[in-house]
Amino acid sequence: TYQDRLLKAIPGGAHTYSRGFDQYPANAPQILKRGK
């Protein structure tokens, strides 16, 4: 999964801890592509 890949490549899976998977419910998108 994207979450697995993120945790393998980046300590904590994100570059800010408040973006980490443990800050969101299980159904949250694991990764985002864009915003508008």
Full PDB file with SEQRES, HELIX, SHEET, SSBOND, CRYST1, ORIGX, SCALE, CONECT and MASTER records, all heavy atoms in Angstrom:
SEQRES   1 A   36  THR TYR GLN ASP ARG LEU LEU LYS ALA ILE PRO GLY GLY          
SEQRES   2 A   36  ALA HIS THR TYR SER ARG GLY PHE ASP GLN TYR PRO ALA          
SEQRES   3 A   36  ASN ALA PRO GLN ILE LEU LYS ARG GLY LYS                      
HELIX    1 AA1 TYR A    2  ALA A    9  1                                   8    
HELIX    2 AA2 PRO A   11  GLY A   13  5                                   3    
HELIX    3 AA3 TYR A   17  ARG A   19  5                                   3    
HELIX    4 AA4 PHE A   21  GLN A   23  5                                   3    
CRYST1    1.000    1.000    1.000  90.00  90.00  90.00 P 1           1          
ORIGX1      1.000000  0.000000  0.000000        0.00000                         
ORIGX2      0.000000  1.000000  0.000000        0.00000                         
ORIGX3      0.000000  0.000000  1.000000        0.00000                         
SCALE1      1.000000  0.000000  0.000000        0.00000                         
SCALE2      0.000000  1.000000  0.000000        0.00000                         
SCALE3      0.000000  0.000000  1.000000        0.00000                         
ATOM      1  N   THR A   1       0.830  -1.211   0.000  1.00  0.00           N  
ATOM      2  CA  THR A   1       0.000   0.000   0.000  1.00  0.00           C  
ATOM      3  C   THR A   1       0.863   1.259   0.000  1.00  0.00           C  
ATOM      4  O   THR A   1       2.069   1.223   0.285  1.00  0.00           O  
ATOM      5  CB  THR A   1      -0.914   0.022   1.224  1.00  0.00           C  
ATOM      6  OG1 THR A   1      -0.099   0.163   2.396  1.00  0.00           O  
ATOM      7  CG2 THR A   1      -1.755  -1.237   1.320  1.00  0.00           C  
ATOM      8  N   TYR A   2       0.228   2.383  -0.289  1.00  0.00           N  
ATOM      9  CA  TYR A   2       0.949   3.653  -0.200  1.00  0.00           C  
ATOM     10  C   TYR A   2       1.455   3.880   1.221  1.00  0.00           C  
ATOM     11  O   TYR A   2       2.566   4.399   1.419  1.00  0.00           O  
ATOM     12  CB  TYR A   2       0.046   4.813  -0.621  1.00  0.00           C  
ATOM     13  CG  TYR A   2      -0.032   4.993  -2.118  1.00  0.00           C  
ATOM     14  CD1 TYR A   2      -1.192   4.678  -2.817  1.00  0.00           C  
ATOM     15  CD2 TYR A   2       1.057   5.468  -2.838  1.00  0.00           C  
ATOM     16  CE1 TYR A   2      -1.262   4.830  -4.199  1.00  0.00           C  
ATOM     17  CE2 TYR A   2       0.999   5.641  -4.209  1.00  0.00           C  
ATOM     18  CZ  TYR A   2      -0.168   5.321  -4.891  1.00  0.00           C  
ATOM     19  OH  TYR A   2      -0.233   5.476  -6.258  1.00  0.00           O  
ATOM     20  N   GLN A   3       0.659   3.515   2.211  1.00  0.00           N  
ATOM     21  CA  GLN A   3       1.089   3.693   3.598  1.00  0.00           C  
ATOM     22  C   GLN A   3       2.335   2.864   3.888  1.00  0.00           C  
ATOM     23  O   GLN A   3       3.275   3.349   4.527  1.00  0.00           O  
ATOM     24  CB  GLN A   3      -0.033   3.311   4.557  1.00  0.00           C  
ATOM     25  CG  GLN A   3       0.311   3.539   6.028  1.00  0.00           C  
ATOM     26  CD  GLN A   3      -0.904   3.368   6.912  1.00  0.00           C  
ATOM     27  OE1 GLN A   3      -1.890   4.075   6.769  1.00  0.00           O  
ATOM     28  NE2 GLN A   3      -0.829   2.404   7.821  1.00  0.00           N  
ATOM     29  N   ASP A   4       2.370   1.634   3.414  1.00  0.00           N  
ATOM     30  CA  ASP A   4       3.545   0.785   3.584  1.00  0.00           C  
ATOM     31  C   ASP A   4       4.765   1.413   2.910  1.00  0.00           C  
ATOM     32  O   ASP A   4       5.867   1.435   3.488  1.00  0.00           O  
ATOM     33  CB  ASP A   4       3.305  -0.605   2.991  1.00  0.00           C  
ATOM     34  CG  ASP A   4       2.265  -1.403   3.772  1.00  0.00           C  
ATOM     35  OD1 ASP A   4       2.112  -1.146   4.977  1.00  0.00           O  
ATOM     36  OD2 ASP A   4       1.607  -2.269   3.161  1.00  0.00           O  
ATOM     37  N   ARG A   5       4.575   1.904   1.703  1.00  0.00           N  
ATOM     38  CA  ARG A   5       5.685   2.510   0.966  1.00  0.00           C  
ATOM     39  C   ARG A   5       6.171   3.784   1.655  1.00  0.00           C  
ATOM     40  O   ARG A   5       7.383   4.033   1.734  1.00  0.00           O  
ATOM     41  CB  ARG A   5       5.250   2.802  -0.472  1.00  0.00           C  
ATOM     42  CG  ARG A   5       5.044   1.546  -1.314  1.00  0.00           C  
ATOM     43  CD  ARG A   5       4.391   1.878  -2.648  1.00  0.00           C  
ATOM     44  NE  ARG A   5       5.205   2.793  -3.443  1.00  0.00           N  
ATOM     45  CZ  ARG A   5       4.791   3.341  -4.595  1.00  0.00           C  
ATOM     46  NH1 ARG A   5       3.569   3.058  -5.066  1.00  0.00           N  
ATOM     47  NH2 ARG A   5       5.590   4.148  -5.261  1.00  0.00           N  
ATOM     48  N   LEU A   6       5.225   4.579   2.162  1.00  0.00           N  
ATOM     49  CA  LEU A   6       5.600   5.811   2.857  1.00  0.00           C  
ATOM     50  C   LEU A   6       6.417   5.498   4.108  1.00  0.00           C  
ATOM     51  O   LEU A   6       7.450   6.138   4.361  1.00  0.00           O  
ATOM     52  CB  LEU A   6       4.347   6.604   3.228  1.00  0.00           C  
ATOM     53  CG  LEU A   6       3.644   7.328   2.087  1.00  0.00           C  
ATOM     54  CD1 LEU A   6       2.238   7.759   2.507  1.00  0.00           C  
ATOM     55  CD2 LEU A   6       4.452   8.550   1.645  1.00  0.00           C  
ATOM     56  N   LEU A   7       5.957   4.515   4.898  1.00  0.00           N  
ATOM     57  CA  LEU A   7       6.660   4.176   6.129  1.00  0.00           C  
ATOM     58  C   LEU A   7       8.023   3.541   5.856  1.00  0.00           C  
ATOM     59  O   LEU A   7       8.950   3.683   6.663  1.00  0.00           O  
ATOM     60  CB  LEU A   7       5.805   3.229   6.972  1.00  0.00           C  
ATOM     61  CG  LEU A   7       4.571   3.878   7.620  1.00  0.00           C  
ATOM     62  CD1 LEU A   7       3.634   2.816   8.179  1.00  0.00           C  
ATOM     63  CD2 LEU A   7       4.986   4.852   8.714  1.00  0.00           C  
ATOM     64  N   LYS A   8       8.148   2.872   4.727  1.00  0.00           N  
ATOM     65  CA  LYS A   8       9.434   2.277   4.356  1.00  0.00           C  
ATOM     66  C   LYS A   8      10.434   3.343   3.914  1.00  0.00           C  
ATOM     67  O   LYS A   8      11.636   3.238   4.196  1.00  0.00           O  
ATOM     68  CB  LYS A   8       9.229   1.262   3.227  1.00  0.00           C  
ATOM     69  CG  LYS A   8      10.498   0.526   2.827  1.00  0.00           C  
ATOM     70  CD  LYS A   8      10.236  -0.504   1.743  1.00  0.00           C  
ATOM     71  CE  LYS A   8      11.526  -1.232   1.358  1.00  0.00           C  
ATOM     72  NZ  LYS A   8      11.284  -2.240   0.283  1.00  0.00           N  
ATOM     73  N   ALA A   9       9.940   4.390   3.273  1.00  0.00           N  
ATOM     74  CA  ALA A   9      10.828   5.397   2.699  1.00  0.00           C  
ATOM     75  C   ALA A   9      11.079   6.594   3.611  1.00  0.00           C  
ATOM     76  O   ALA A   9      12.138   7.230   3.541  1.00  0.00           O  
ATOM     77  CB  ALA A   9      10.241   5.895   1.369  1.00  0.00           C  
ATOM     78  N   ILE A  10      10.099   6.923   4.484  1.00  0.00           N  
ATOM     79  CA  ILE A  10      10.158   8.155   5.275  1.00  0.00           C  
ATOM     80  C   ILE A  10       9.896   7.818   6.740  1.00  0.00           C  
ATOM     81  O   ILE A  10       8.865   7.211   7.052  1.00  0.00           O  
ATOM     82  CB  ILE A  10       9.086   9.165   4.787  1.00  0.00           C  
ATOM     83  CG1 ILE A  10       9.245   9.447   3.289  1.00  0.00           C  
ATOM     84  CG2 ILE A  10       9.151  10.468   5.586  1.00  0.00           C  
ATOM     85  CD1 ILE A  10       8.033  10.148   2.674  1.00  0.00           C  
ATOM     86  N   PRO A  11      10.780   8.192   7.654  1.00  0.00           N  
ATOM     87  CA  PRO A  11      10.487   7.972   9.082  1.00  0.00           C  
ATOM     88  C   PRO A  11       9.167   8.638   9.474  1.00  0.00           C  
ATOM     89  O   PRO A  11       8.984   9.837   9.275  1.00  0.00           O  
ATOM     90  CB  PRO A  11      11.670   8.640   9.792  1.00  0.00           C  
ATOM     91  CG  PRO A  11      12.778   8.627   8.791  1.00  0.00           C  
ATOM     92  CD  PRO A  11      12.106   8.818   7.451  1.00  0.00           C  
ATOM     93  N   GLY A  12       8.241   7.832   9.982  1.00  0.00           N  
ATOM     94  CA  GLY A  12       6.928   8.370  10.322  1.00  0.00           C  
ATOM     95  C   GLY A  12       5.961   8.420   9.159  1.00  0.00           C  
ATOM     96  O   GLY A  12       4.782   8.714   9.336  1.00  0.00           O  
ATOM     97  N   GLY A  13       6.459   8.172   7.958  1.00  0.00           N  
ATOM     98  CA  GLY A  13       5.589   8.133   6.787  1.00  0.00           C  
ATOM     99  C   GLY A  13       5.191   9.481   6.234  1.00  0.00           C  
ATOM    100  O   GLY A  13       4.402   9.557   5.284  1.00  0.00           O  
ATOM    101  N   ALA A  14       5.713  10.554   6.795  1.00  0.00           N  
ATOM    102  CA  ALA A  14       5.402  11.900   6.313  1.00  0.00           C  
ATOM    103  C   ALA A  14       6.445  12.855   6.871  1.00  0.00           C  
ATOM    104  O   ALA A  14       7.165  12.525   7.819  1.00  0.00           O  
ATOM    105  CB  ALA A  14       4.004  12.330   6.752  1.00  0.00           C  
ATOM    106  N   HIS A  15       6.515  14.038   6.307  1.00  0.00           N  
ATOM    107  CA  HIS A  15       7.532  15.001   6.742  1.00  0.00           C  
ATOM    108  C   HIS A  15       7.039  15.941   7.835  1.00  0.00           C  
ATOM    109  O   HIS A  15       7.763  16.830   8.265  1.00  0.00           O  
ATOM    110  CB  HIS A  15       8.068  15.767   5.534  1.00  0.00           C  
ATOM    111  CG  HIS A  15       9.006  14.940   4.698  1.00  0.00           C  
ATOM    112  ND1 HIS A  15       8.547  14.047   3.747  1.00  0.00           N  
ATOM    113  CD2 HIS A  15      10.353  14.821   4.715  1.00  0.00           C  
ATOM    114  CE1 HIS A  15       9.586  13.433   3.195  1.00  0.00           C  
ATOM    115  NE2 HIS A  15      10.684  13.879   3.761  1.00  0.00           N  
ATOM    116  N   THR A  16       5.814  15.743   8.274  1.00  0.00           N  
ATOM    117  CA  THR A  16       5.278  16.405   9.458  1.00  0.00           C  
ATOM    118  C   THR A  16       4.498  15.348  10.220  1.00  0.00           C  
ATOM    119  O   THR A  16       3.690  14.628   9.633  1.00  0.00           O  
ATOM    120  CB  THR A  16       4.323  17.556   9.070  1.00  0.00           C  
ATOM    121  OG1 THR A  16       4.955  18.389   8.103  1.00  0.00           O  
ATOM    122  CG2 THR A  16       3.957  18.385  10.288  1.00  0.00           C  
ATOM    123  N   TYR A  17       4.714  15.261  11.526  1.00  0.00           N  
ATOM    124  CA  TYR A  17       4.066  14.189  12.284  1.00  0.00           C  
ATOM    125  C   TYR A  17       2.544  14.299  12.262  1.00  0.00           C  
ATOM    126  O   TYR A  17       1.842  13.294  12.337  1.00  0.00           O  
ATOM    127  CB  TYR A  17       4.585  14.166  13.720  1.00  0.00           C  
ATOM    128  CG  TYR A  17       5.935  13.492  13.834  1.00  0.00           C  
ATOM    129  CD1 TYR A  17       7.078  14.225  14.143  1.00  0.00           C  
ATOM    130  CD2 TYR A  17       6.063  12.126  13.611  1.00  0.00           C  
ATOM    131  CE1 TYR A  17       8.325  13.601  14.230  1.00  0.00           C  
ATOM    132  CE2 TYR A  17       7.299  11.492  13.690  1.00  0.00           C  
ATOM    133  CZ  TYR A  17       8.431  12.244  14.000  1.00  0.00           C  
ATOM    134  OH  TYR A  17       9.661  11.625  14.075  1.00  0.00           O  
ATOM    135  N   SER A  18       2.021  15.501  12.145  1.00  0.00           N  
ATOM    136  CA  SER A  18       0.564  15.658  12.105  1.00  0.00           C  
ATOM    137  C   SER A  18      -0.038  15.194  10.785  1.00  0.00           C  
ATOM    138  O   SER A  18      -1.259  15.158  10.640  1.00  0.00           O  
ATOM    139  CB  SER A  18       0.163  17.107  12.385  1.00  0.00           C  
ATOM    140  OG  SER A  18       0.853  17.986  11.538  1.00  0.00           O  
ATOM    141  N   ARG A  19       0.801  14.825   9.813  1.00  0.00           N  
ATOM    142  CA  ARG A  19       0.318  14.197   8.581  1.00  0.00           C  
ATOM    143  C   ARG A  19       0.395  12.671   8.661  1.00  0.00           C  
ATOM    144  O   ARG A  19       0.032  11.986   7.703  1.00  0.00           O  
ATOM    145  CB  ARG A  19       1.134  14.674   7.376  1.00  0.00           C  
ATOM    146  CG  ARG A  19       0.840  16.100   6.923  1.00  0.00           C  
ATOM    147  CD  ARG A  19       1.564  16.384   5.606  1.00  0.00           C  
ATOM    148  NE  ARG A  19       1.173  17.646   5.017  1.00  0.00           N  
ATOM    149  CZ  ARG A  19       1.925  18.752   5.002  1.00  0.00           C  
ATOM    150  NH1 ARG A  19       3.124  18.735   5.578  1.00  0.00           N  
ATOM    151  NH2 ARG A  19       1.507  19.849   4.425  1.00  0.00           N  
ATOM    152  N   GLY A  20       0.916  12.152   9.770  1.00  0.00           N  
ATOM    153  CA  GLY A  20       1.104  10.712   9.901  1.00  0.00           C  
ATOM    154  C   GLY A  20      -0.203   9.945   9.939  1.00  0.00           C  
ATOM    155  O   GLY A  20      -1.263  10.479  10.286  1.00  0.00           O  
ATOM    156  N   PHE A  21      -0.138   8.656   9.621  1.00  0.00           N  
ATOM    157  CA  PHE A  21      -1.361   7.826   9.554  1.00  0.00           C  
ATOM    158  C   PHE A  21      -2.056   7.732  10.903  1.00  0.00           C  
ATOM    159  O   PHE A  21      -3.265   7.516  10.968  1.00  0.00           O  
ATOM    160  CB  PHE A  21      -1.021   6.425   9.031  1.00  0.00           C  
ATOM    161  CG  PHE A  21      -0.336   5.541  10.031  1.00  0.00           C  
ATOM    162  CD1 PHE A  21      -1.076   4.700  10.857  1.00  0.00           C  
ATOM    163  CD2 PHE A  21       1.050   5.545  10.163  1.00  0.00           C  
ATOM    164  CE1 PHE A  21      -0.459   3.880  11.786  1.00  0.00           C  
ATOM    165  CE2 PHE A  21       1.676   4.732  11.095  1.00  0.00           C  
ATOM    166  CZ  PHE A  21       0.914   3.904  11.901  1.00  0.00           C  
ATOM    167  N   ASP A  22      -1.297   7.892  12.005  1.00  0.00           N  
ATOM    168  CA  ASP A  22      -1.896   7.752  13.339  1.00  0.00           C  
ATOM    169  C   ASP A  22      -2.723   8.972  13.744  1.00  0.00           C  
ATOM    170  O   ASP A  22      -3.324   8.981  14.824  1.00  0.00           O  
ATOM    171  CB  ASP A  22      -0.814   7.490  14.388  1.00  0.00           C  
ATOM    172  CG  ASP A  22       0.226   8.593  14.475  1.00  0.00           C  
ATOM    173  OD1 ASP A  22       0.252   9.485  13.600  1.00  0.00           O  
ATOM    174  OD2 ASP A  22       1.025   8.569  15.436  1.00  0.00           O  
ATOM    175  N   GLN A  23      -2.771   9.971  12.875  1.00  0.00           N  
ATOM    176  CA  GLN A  23      -3.569  11.173  13.153  1.00  0.00           C  
ATOM    177  C   GLN A  23      -4.909  11.150  12.421  1.00  0.00           C  
ATOM    178  O   GLN A  23      -5.671  12.123  12.493  1.00  0.00           O  
ATOM    179  CB  GLN A  23      -2.789  12.425  12.733  1.00  0.00           C  
ATOM    180  CG  GLN A  23      -1.469  12.601  13.459  1.00  0.00           C  
ATOM    181  CD  GLN A  23      -1.650  12.643  14.958  1.00  0.00           C  
ATOM    182  OE1 GLN A  23      -2.285  13.561  15.478  1.00  0.00           O  
ATOM    183  NE2 GLN A  23      -1.125  11.639  15.650  1.00  0.00           N  
ATOM    184  N   TYR A  24      -5.189  10.034  11.734  1.00  0.00           N  
ATOM    185  CA  TYR A  24      -6.386   9.955  10.895  1.00  0.00           C  
ATOM    186  C   TYR A  24      -7.069   8.605  11.079  1.00  0.00           C  
ATOM    187  O   TYR A  24      -6.436   7.615  11.444  1.00  0.00           O  
ATOM    188  CB  TYR A  24      -6.010  10.130   9.417  1.00  0.00           C  
ATOM    189  CG  TYR A  24      -5.491  11.509   9.098  1.00  0.00           C  
ATOM    190  CD1 TYR A  24      -4.147  11.824   9.290  1.00  0.00           C  
ATOM    191  CD2 TYR A  24      -6.345  12.507   8.639  1.00  0.00           C  
ATOM    192  CE1 TYR A  24      -3.669  13.096   9.020  1.00  0.00           C  
ATOM    193  CE2 TYR A  24      -5.875  13.779   8.362  1.00  0.00           C  
ATOM    194  CZ  TYR A  24      -4.540  14.068   8.560  1.00  0.00           C  
ATOM    195  OH  TYR A  24      -4.073  15.333   8.301  1.00  0.00           O  
ATOM    196  N   PRO A  25      -8.361   8.537  10.793  1.00  0.00           N  
ATOM    197  CA  PRO A  25      -9.054   7.248  10.843  1.00  0.00           C  
ATOM    198  C   PRO A  25      -8.580   6.343   9.710  1.00  0.00           C  
ATOM    199  O   PRO A  25      -7.938   6.794   8.754  1.00  0.00           O  
ATOM    200  CB  PRO A  25     -10.523   7.643  10.676  1.00  0.00           C  
ATOM    201  CG  PRO A  25     -10.496   8.939   9.940  1.00  0.00           C  
ATOM    202  CD  PRO A  25      -9.268   9.646  10.433  1.00  0.00           C  
ATOM    203  N   ALA A  26      -8.931   5.075   9.829  1.00  0.00           N  
ATOM    204  CA  ALA A  26      -8.450   4.077   8.870  1.00  0.00           C  
ATOM    205  C   ALA A  26      -8.927   4.338   7.450  1.00  0.00           C  
ATOM    206  O   ALA A  26      -8.275   3.920   6.486  1.00  0.00           O  
ATOM    207  CB  ALA A  26      -8.877   2.684   9.322  1.00  0.00           C  
ATOM    208  N   ASN A  27     -10.072   5.019   7.282  1.00  0.00           N  
ATOM    209  CA  ASN A  27     -10.602   5.234   5.937  1.00  0.00           C  
ATOM    210  C   ASN A  27     -10.094   6.514   5.289  1.00  0.00           C  
ATOM    211  O   ASN A  27     -10.531   6.875   4.186  1.00  0.00           O  
ATOM    212  CB  ASN A  27     -12.132   5.243   5.956  1.00  0.00           C  
ATOM    213  CG  ASN A  27     -12.714   6.460   6.671  1.00  0.00           C  
ATOM    214  OD1 ASN A  27     -12.078   7.024   7.565  1.00  0.00           O  
ATOM    215  ND2 ASN A  27     -13.928   6.864   6.291  1.00  0.00           N  
ATOM    216  N   ALA A  28      -9.181   7.221   5.950  1.00  0.00           N  
ATOM    217  CA  ALA A  28      -8.624   8.439   5.352  1.00  0.00           C  
ATOM    218  C   ALA A  28      -7.782   8.076   4.135  1.00  0.00           C  
ATOM    219  O   ALA A  28      -7.170   7.004   4.079  1.00  0.00           O  
ATOM    220  CB  ALA A  28      -7.772   9.181   6.375  1.00  0.00           C  
ATOM    221  N   PRO A  29      -7.727   8.950   3.135  1.00  0.00           N  
ATOM    222  CA  PRO A  29      -6.847   8.677   1.995  1.00  0.00           C  
ATOM    223  C   PRO A  29      -5.402   8.549   2.475  1.00  0.00           C  
ATOM    224  O   PRO A  29      -4.942   9.347   3.285  1.00  0.00           O  
ATOM    225  CB  PRO A  29      -7.044   9.893   1.089  1.00  0.00           C  
ATOM    226  CG  PRO A  29      -7.605  10.963   1.973  1.00  0.00           C  
ATOM    227  CD  PRO A  29      -8.415  10.255   3.012  1.00  0.00           C  
ATOM    228  N   GLN A  30      -4.712   7.530   2.006  1.00  0.00           N  
ATOM    229  CA  GLN A  30      -3.330   7.313   2.431  1.00  0.00           C  
ATOM    230  C   GLN A  30      -2.379   8.317   1.803  1.00  0.00           C  
ATOM    231  O   GLN A  30      -1.330   8.630   2.378  1.00  0.00           O  
ATOM    232  CB  GLN A  30      -2.898   5.887   2.071  1.00  0.00           C  
ATOM    233  CG  GLN A  30      -3.635   4.818   2.848  1.00  0.00           C  
ATOM    234  CD  GLN A  30      -3.111   3.423   2.543  1.00  0.00           C  
ATOM    235  OE1 GLN A  30      -2.066   3.249   1.910  1.00  0.00           O  
ATOM    236  NE2 GLN A  30      -3.837   2.404   2.988  1.00  0.00           N  
ATOM    237  N   ILE A  31      -2.742   8.816   0.647  1.00  0.00           N  
ATOM    238  CA  ILE A  31      -1.883   9.739  -0.076  1.00  0.00           C  
ATOM    239  C   ILE A  31      -2.761  10.659  -0.924  1.00  0.00           C  
ATOM    240  O   ILE A  31      -3.857  10.267  -1.342  1.00  0.00           O  
ATOM    241  CB  ILE A  31      -0.870   8.958  -0.960  1.00  0.00           C  
ATOM    242  CG1 ILE A  31       0.335   9.832  -1.324  1.00  0.00           C  
ATOM    243  CG2 ILE A  31      -1.547   8.357  -2.190  1.00  0.00           C  
ATOM    244  CD1 ILE A  31       1.511   9.015  -1.857  1.00  0.00           C  
ATOM    245  N   LEU A  32      -2.302  11.865  -1.135  1.00  0.00           N  
ATOM    246  CA  LEU A  32      -3.040  12.829  -1.957  1.00  0.00           C  
ATOM    247  C   LEU A  32      -2.237  13.176  -3.194  1.00  0.00           C  
ATOM    248  O   LEU A  32      -1.003  13.226  -3.161  1.00  0.00           O  
ATOM    249  CB  LEU A  32      -3.347  14.095  -1.154  1.00  0.00           C  
ATOM    250  CG  LEU A  32      -4.266  13.917   0.054  1.00  0.00           C  
ATOM    251  CD1 LEU A  32      -4.375  15.213   0.838  1.00  0.00           C  
ATOM    252  CD2 LEU A  32      -5.648  13.431  -0.373  1.00  0.00           C  
ATOM    253  N   LYS A  33      -2.959  13.412  -4.286  1.00  0.00           N  
ATOM    254  CA  LYS A  33      -2.293  13.729  -5.546  1.00  0.00           C  
ATOM    255  C   LYS A  33      -2.252  15.219  -5.821  1.00  0.00           C  
ATOM    256  O   LYS A  33      -1.262  15.747  -6.308  1.00  0.00           O  
ATOM    257  CB  LYS A  33      -3.006  13.011  -6.700  1.00  0.00           C  
ATOM    258  CG  LYS A  33      -2.341  13.198  -8.050  1.00  0.00           C  
ATOM    259  CD  LYS A  33      -3.020  12.375  -9.134  1.00  0.00           C  
ATOM    260  CE  LYS A  33      -2.299  12.527 -10.477  1.00  0.00           C  
ATOM    261  NZ  LYS A  33      -2.945  11.698 -11.529  1.00  0.00           N  
ATOM    262  N   ARG A  34      -3.363  15.941  -5.490  1.00  0.00           N  
ATOM    263  CA  ARG A  34      -3.406  17.355  -5.816  1.00  0.00           C  
ATOM    264  C   ARG A  34      -4.484  18.052  -4.984  1.00  0.00           C  
ATOM    265  O   ARG A  34      -5.286  17.409  -4.309  1.00  0.00           O  
ATOM    266  CB  ARG A  34      -3.691  17.574  -7.300  1.00  0.00           C  
ATOM    267  CG  ARG A  34      -5.082  17.128  -7.742  1.00  0.00           C  
ATOM    268  CD  ARG A  34      -5.274  17.258  -9.238  1.00  0.00           C  
ATOM    269  NE  ARG A  34      -6.636  16.900  -9.643  1.00  0.00           N  
ATOM    270  CZ  ARG A  34      -7.632  17.774  -9.786  1.00  0.00           C  
ATOM    271  NH1 ARG A  34      -7.406  19.079  -9.580  1.00  0.00           N  
ATOM    272  NH2 ARG A  34      -8.829  17.385 -10.153  1.00  0.00           N  
ATOM    273  N   GLY A  35      -4.457  19.376  -5.042  1.00  0.00           N  
ATOM    274  CA  GLY A  35      -5.487  20.177  -4.408  1.00  0.00           C  
ATOM    275  C   GLY A  35      -5.873  21.325  -5.315  1.00  0.00           C  
ATOM    276  O   GLY A  35      -5.051  21.824  -6.097  1.00  0.00           O  
ATOM    277  N   LYS A  36      -7.118  21.736  -5.220  1.00  0.00           N  
ATOM    278  CA  LYS A  36      -7.596  22.885  -5.991  1.00  0.00           C  
ATOM    279  C   LYS A  36      -8.707  23.560  -5.197  1.00  0.00           C  
ATOM    280  O   LYS A  36      -9.688  22.912  -4.814  1.00  0.00           O  
ATOM    281  CB  LYS A  36      -8.114  22.449  -7.364  1.00  0.00           C  
ATOM    282  CG  LYS A  36      -8.596  23.616  -8.238  1.00  0.00           C  
ATOM    283  CD  LYS A  36      -7.460  24.568  -8.595  1.00  0.00           C  
ATOM    284  CE  LYS A  36      -7.934  25.704  -9.498  1.00  0.00           C  
ATOM    285  NZ  LYS A  36      -6.851  26.685  -9.788  1.00  0.00           N  
TER     286      LYS A  36                                                      
MASTER        0    0    0    4    0    0    0    6  285    1    0    3          
END                                                                             
